[in-house]
Amino acid sequence: MTNNYFAMRLKNKFFWIIAFVAFFLDQITKFWVVQTFSLQQTLPLLPGIFHLTYVTNTGAAFSLLSGKVEWLRWLSLGVSLALIALAWFGPLLNRWEQLGYGLILGGAMGNGIDRFALGYVVDFLDFRLINFPVFNLADVFINIGIVCLLIATFQKTPSSGRRY
């Protein structure tokens, strides 16, 4: 095997690490919730502000597209495959891009696995102070990933020296 083979395999290494860690944290927390709580059971950590509440969601974020699990599972798979292809075959990404895309991949895979294996997503983070829908770490990772990509966009400098 050549050095080029190993260089390709290590391209965007931070992306792969972040994606794996995000996926693992999402899945281990969901496993813990399913093993520890009964469906709809809640544990107030900060009563009236933040609870752990075990619910299932057949939709997307905020229960949008509720009951559209078939479509959403294929969307999760498509996004995951596109991000894997980007990191594997695409250019060397900067740190913010690797972090952002890695978090999005970890979250998409975490919720996608739920949709394929269970037919729903396990949610448990319940901010009651603002009556926010219950969500999970995959949702958190996807949103933080989007913010990282926005930061990466604003940090890019124009490729030409022209000023307008």
Protein backbone atom coordinates (compact mmCIF):
# COMPACT_ATOMS: atom_id res chain seq x y z
CA MET A 1 0.00 0.00 0.00
CA THR A 2 1.23 3.45 -0.81
CA ASN A 3 1.56 6.49 1.38
CA ASN A 4 -1.20 8.14 -0.68
CA TYR A 5 -3.64 5.44 0.47
CA PHE A 6 -2.92 6.21 4.12
CA ALA A 7 -3.02 9.96 3.51
CA MET A 8 -6.50 9.59 1.98
CA ARG A 9 -7.69 7.48 4.88
CA LEU A 10 -6.55 10.10 7.36
CA LYS A 11 -8.03 13.07 5.49
CA ASN A 12 -10.50 15.01 7.64
CA LYS A 13 -9.58 12.89 10.67
CA PHE A 14 -11.20 15.35 13.10
CA PHE A 15 -14.50 14.92 11.21
CA TRP A 16 -14.46 11.15 11.73
CA ILE A 17 -13.59 11.46 15.43
CA ILE A 18 -16.33 14.03 16.07
CA ALA A 19 -18.92 12.00 14.13
CA PHE A 20 -18.10 8.86 16.10
CA VAL A 21 -18.14 10.62 19.49
CA ALA A 22 -21.43 12.40 18.72
CA PHE A 23 -23.05 9.17 17.51
CA PHE A 24 -21.78 7.22 20.51
CA LEU A 25 -22.93 9.83 23.06
CA ASP A 26 -26.35 10.03 21.42
CA GLN A 27 -26.84 6.28 21.37
CA ILE A 28 -25.53 5.63 24.89
CA THR A 29 -27.77 8.33 26.41
CA LYS A 30 -30.83 7.00 24.56
CA PHE A 31 -29.99 3.46 25.69
CA TRP A 32 -29.70 4.69 29.29
CA VAL A 33 -33.06 6.49 29.10
CA VAL A 34 -34.84 3.46 27.60
CA GLN A 35 -33.33 1.16 30.25
CA THR A 36 -33.97 3.54 33.16
CA PHE A 37 -37.32 5.21 32.47
CA SER A 38 -40.81 4.09 31.56
CA LEU A 39 -42.36 5.79 28.56
CA GLN A 40 -43.61 9.27 29.58
CA GLN A 41 -41.78 9.05 32.93
CA THR A 42 -40.11 12.29 33.95
CA LEU A 43 -37.34 13.15 36.39
CA PRO A 44 -37.17 16.82 37.39
CA LEU A 45 -33.53 17.89 37.64
CA LEU A 46 -34.53 21.54 38.05
CA PRO A 47 -38.28 21.34 38.77
CA GLY A 48 -40.31 23.36 36.31
CA ILE A 49 -37.17 24.25 34.34
CA PHE A 50 -35.36 21.12 33.13
CA HIS A 51 -36.52 17.51 33.31
CA LEU A 52 -35.48 14.22 31.79
CA THR A 53 -38.66 12.88 30.16
CA TYR A 54 -38.76 9.73 28.05
CA VAL A 55 -40.91 10.20 24.95
CA THR A 56 -40.90 8.85 21.43
CA ASN A 57 -41.16 10.94 18.27
CA THR A 58 -42.20 9.62 14.86
CA GLY A 59 -41.50 13.01 13.27
CA ALA A 60 -38.60 15.38 12.86
CA ALA A 61 -37.54 18.20 15.17
CA PHE A 62 -40.44 19.69 17.15
CA SER A 63 -42.53 16.70 15.97
CA LEU A 64 -42.76 18.23 12.50
CA LEU A 65 -43.74 15.67 9.88
CA SER A 66 -45.07 13.45 12.66
CA GLY A 67 -45.76 9.96 11.39
CA LYS A 68 -43.49 10.40 8.34
CA VAL A 69 -40.87 8.03 9.73
CA GLU A 70 -40.42 6.19 6.42
CA TRP A 71 -39.45 9.37 4.58
CA LEU A 72 -37.34 10.65 7.48
CA ARG A 73 -35.33 7.43 7.83
CA TRP A 74 -34.28 7.67 4.16
CA LEU A 75 -33.50 11.37 4.57
CA SER A 76 -31.22 10.54 7.53
CA LEU A 77 -29.50 7.86 5.47
CA GLY A 78 -29.08 10.19 2.49
CA VAL A 79 -27.62 13.00 4.60
CA SER A 80 -25.28 10.54 6.32
CA LEU A 81 -24.03 9.08 3.04
CA ALA A 82 -23.55 12.55 1.53
CA LEU A 83 -21.50 13.70 4.52
CA ILE A 84 -19.39 10.53 4.47
CA ALA A 85 -18.74 11.05 0.75
CA LEU A 86 -17.84 14.70 1.34
CA ALA A 87 -15.30 13.83 4.03
CA TRP A 88 -13.90 10.83 2.15
CA PHE A 89 -13.77 12.10 -1.43
CA GLY A 90 -14.04 15.87 -1.03
CA PRO A 91 -11.45 18.47 -0.14
CA LEU A 92 -9.57 18.82 3.10
CA LEU A 93 -12.00 20.66 5.37
CA ASN A 94 -10.99 23.29 7.90
CA ARG A 95 -11.53 22.62 11.63
CA TRP A 96 -14.90 24.39 11.83
CA GLU A 97 -16.17 22.48 8.79
CA GLN A 98 -14.93 19.16 10.17
CA LEU A 99 -16.54 19.90 13.53
CA GLY A 100 -19.82 21.03 11.95
CA TYR A 101 -20.15 18.23 9.43
CA GLY A 102 -18.99 15.66 12.00
CA LEU A 103 -21.62 16.76 14.51
CA ILE A 104 -24.32 16.72 11.84
CA LEU A 105 -23.26 13.24 10.71
CA GLY A 106 -23.24 11.90 14.28
CA GLY A 107 -26.69 13.35 14.92
CA ALA A 108 -28.16 12.22 11.60
CA MET A 109 -26.83 8.71 12.16
CA GLY A 110 -28.09 8.64 15.75
CA ASN A 111 -31.64 9.60 14.83
CA GLY A 112 -31.48 7.55 11.63
CA ILE A 113 -30.58 4.38 13.53
CA ASP A 114 -33.56 4.99 15.82
CA ARG A 115 -35.87 5.44 12.85
CA PHE A 116 -34.66 2.28 11.10
CA ALA A 117 -34.45 0.07 14.21
CA LEU A 118 -37.38 1.36 16.27
CA GLY A 119 -39.65 3.30 13.92
CA TYR A 120 -39.31 6.40 16.10
CA VAL A 121 -36.70 8.58 17.78
CA VAL A 122 -36.07 8.47 21.53
CA ASP A 123 -36.24 11.98 23.05
CA PHE A 124 -35.60 12.90 26.67
CA LEU A 125 -34.22 16.45 27.16
CA ASP A 126 -37.17 18.49 28.40
CA PHE A 127 -36.78 22.28 28.91
CA ARG A 128 -40.04 23.24 30.53
CA LEU A 129 -39.17 26.83 31.39
CA ILE A 130 -39.86 27.86 27.80
CA ASN A 131 -42.21 24.96 26.96
CA PHE A 132 -39.71 23.63 24.41
CA PRO A 133 -40.40 20.28 22.68
CA VAL A 134 -38.53 17.31 24.14
CA PHE A 135 -35.39 16.49 22.16
CA ASN A 136 -32.18 14.41 22.31
CA LEU A 137 -28.42 14.78 21.94
CA ALA A 138 -28.56 14.05 18.19
CA ASP A 139 -30.75 17.15 17.80
CA VAL A 140 -28.29 19.17 19.88
CA PHE A 141 -25.35 17.96 17.79
CA ILE A 142 -27.10 18.77 14.50
CA ASN A 143 -27.89 22.30 15.64
CA ILE A 144 -24.39 22.94 17.01
CA GLY A 145 -23.02 21.54 13.73
CA ILE A 146 -25.05 24.07 11.76
CA VAL A 147 -23.67 26.89 13.93
CA CYS A 148 -20.12 25.60 13.32
CA LEU A 149 -20.73 25.65 9.56
CA LEU A 150 -22.01 29.23 9.81
CA ILE A 151 -18.83 30.18 11.68
CA ALA A 152 -16.77 28.44 8.98
CA THR A 153 -18.61 30.41 6.30
CA PHE A 154 -17.93 33.74 7.97
CA GLN A 155 -14.26 32.89 8.51
CA LYS A 156 -13.57 32.16 4.85
CA THR A 157 -11.68 34.85 3.00
CA PRO A 158 -12.43 35.68 -0.63
CA SER A 159 -10.23 33.73 -3.04
CA SER A 160 -9.50 36.75 -5.21
CA GLY A 161 -7.75 39.92 -4.14
CA ARG A 162 -10.49 42.16 -5.57
CA ARG A 163 -12.47 44.34 -3.20
CA TYR A 164 -15.94 45.60 -3.92
